[in-house]
């Protein structure tokens, strides 16, 4: 029986994670979270933490354009 969970960050649907043999695979539903597409996590909670961290990182880069230009 497949298990899938919706990952929401600040009222945004980041994507879903679906359980498979190795863990939980992330499927993005918002472009801001495409960097996590296809990644596997040990738990749905770990995927949620990664999505939250990714969003914070994007906000930090947008707030500090001089940092973003270094990449």
C-alpha atoms as a PDB file:
ATOM      1  CA  UNK A   1       0.000   0.000   0.000  1.00  0.00           C
ATOM      2  CA  UNK A   2       1.626   3.276  -1.089  1.00  0.00           C
ATOM      3  CA  UNK A   3       2.065   6.027   1.443  1.00  0.00           C
ATOM      4  CA  UNK A   4       2.185   9.644   0.289  1.00  0.00           C
ATOM      5  CA  UNK A   5       2.260  12.861   2.245  1.00  0.00           C
ATOM      6  CA  UNK A   6       1.742  16.451   1.186  1.00  0.00           C
ATOM      7  CA  UNK A   7       4.518  18.827   2.231  1.00  0.00           C
ATOM      8  CA  UNK A   8       3.273  22.350   2.939  1.00  0.00           C
ATOM      9  CA  UNK A   9       5.534  25.235   3.875  1.00  0.00           C
ATOM     10  CA  UNK A  10       3.912  28.512   4.950  1.00  0.00           C
ATOM     11  CA  UNK A  11       0.617  27.727   3.198  1.00  0.00           C
ATOM     12  CA  UNK A  12       2.446  26.710  -0.010  1.00  0.00           C
ATOM     13  CA  UNK A  13       2.246  23.176  -1.285  1.00  0.00           C
ATOM     14  CA  UNK A  14       5.904  22.346  -1.830  1.00  0.00           C
ATOM     15  CA  UNK A  15       5.197  18.863  -3.122  1.00  0.00           C
ATOM     16  CA  UNK A  16       4.531  15.339  -2.008  1.00  0.00           C
ATOM     17  CA  UNK A  17       6.694  12.543  -0.716  1.00  0.00           C
ATOM     18  CA  UNK A  18       5.917   8.983  -1.600  1.00  0.00           C
ATOM     19  CA  UNK A  19       7.273   6.009   0.305  1.00  0.00           C
ATOM     20  CA  UNK A  20       9.234   3.408  -1.606  1.00  0.00           C
ATOM     21  CA  UNK A  21      11.703   0.664  -0.674  1.00  0.00           C
ATOM     22  CA  UNK A  22      14.556   3.072   0.140  1.00  0.00           C
ATOM     23  CA  UNK A  23      12.665   5.861   1.899  1.00  0.00           C
ATOM     24  CA  UNK A  24      10.562   8.835   0.839  1.00  0.00           C
ATOM     25  CA  UNK A  25      10.945  10.365  -2.621  1.00  0.00           C
ATOM     26  CA  UNK A  26      10.086  14.054  -3.111  1.00  0.00           C
ATOM     27  CA  UNK A  27       7.969  15.288  -6.033  1.00  0.00           C
ATOM     28  CA  UNK A  28       7.806  19.065  -6.401  1.00  0.00           C
ATOM     29  CA  UNK A  29       4.541  20.881  -7.049  1.00  0.00           C
ATOM     30  CA  UNK A  30       5.998  24.417  -6.827  1.00  0.00           C
ATOM     31  CA  UNK A  31       8.965  25.660  -8.865  1.00  0.00           C
ATOM     32  CA  UNK A  32      10.601  27.042  -5.731  1.00  0.00           C
ATOM     33  CA  UNK A  33      11.111  23.450  -4.571  1.00  0.00           C
ATOM     34  CA  UNK A  34      12.283  21.911  -7.859  1.00  0.00           C
ATOM     35  CA  UNK A  35      15.762  21.544  -6.358  1.00  0.00           C
ATOM     36  CA  UNK A  36      14.421  18.697  -4.235  1.00  0.00           C
ATOM     37  CA  UNK A  37      12.712  16.879  -7.122  1.00  0.00           C
ATOM     38  CA  UNK A  38      13.478  13.165  -7.049  1.00  0.00           C
ATOM     39  CA  UNK A  39      15.587  13.274  -3.888  1.00  0.00           C
ATOM     40  CA  UNK A  40      15.126  10.539  -1.315  1.00  0.00           C
ATOM     41  CA  UNK A  41      14.717  11.180   2.388  1.00  0.00           C
ATOM     42  CA  UNK A  42      14.677   8.908   5.413  1.00  0.00           C
ATOM     43  CA  UNK A  43      11.327  10.295   6.535  1.00  0.00           C
ATOM     44  CA  UNK A  44       8.564  12.642   5.458  1.00  0.00           C
ATOM     45  CA  UNK A  45       9.686  14.978   8.265  1.00  0.00           C
ATOM     46  CA  UNK A  46      13.225  15.090   6.810  1.00  0.00           C
ATOM     47  CA  UNK A  47      11.773  16.089   3.427  1.00  0.00           C
ATOM     48  CA  UNK A  48       9.741  18.825   5.098  1.00  0.00           C
ATOM     49  CA  UNK A  49      12.853  20.167   6.850  1.00  0.00           C
ATOM     50  CA  UNK A  50      14.743  20.198   3.534  1.00  0.00           C
ATOM     51  CA  UNK A  51      11.910  22.071   1.810  1.00  0.00           C
ATOM     52  CA  UNK A  52      11.795  24.623   4.631  1.00  0.00           C
ATOM     53  CA  UNK A  53      15.587  25.091   4.453  1.00  0.00           C
ATOM     54  CA  UNK A  54      15.471  25.507   0.672  1.00  0.00           C
ATOM     55  CA  UNK A  55      12.828  28.216   0.931  1.00  0.00           C
ATOM     56  CA  UNK A  56      14.831  30.046   3.611  1.00  0.00           C
ATOM     57  CA  UNK A  57      17.961  29.832   1.464  1.00  0.00           C
ATOM     58  CA  UNK A  58      16.126  31.277  -1.561  1.00  0.00           C
ATOM     59  CA  UNK A  59      14.784  34.141   0.540  1.00  0.00           C
ATOM     60  CA  UNK A  60      18.229  34.862   1.938  1.00  0.00           C
ATOM     61  CA  UNK A  61      19.723  34.988  -1.569  1.00  0.00           C
ATOM     62  CA  UNK A  62      16.949  37.240  -2.846  1.00  0.00           C
ATOM     63  CA  UNK A  63      17.373  39.596   0.094  1.00  0.00           C
ATOM     64  CA  UNK A  64      21.157  39.752  -0.499  1.00  0.00           C
ATOM     65  CA  UNK A  65      21.701  40.059  -4.261  1.00  0.00           C
ATOM     66  CA  UNK A  66      25.454  40.484  -3.815  1.00  0.00           C
ATOM     67  CA  UNK A  67      25.628  36.927  -2.420  1.00  0.00           C
ATOM     68  CA  UNK A  68      23.541  35.539  -5.275  1.00  0.00           C
ATOM     69  CA  UNK A  69      25.819  37.113  -7.894  1.00  0.00           C
ATOM     70  CA  UNK A  70      28.785  35.177  -6.470  1.00  0.00           C
ATOM     71  CA  UNK A  71      27.173  31.941  -7.695  1.00  0.00           C
END
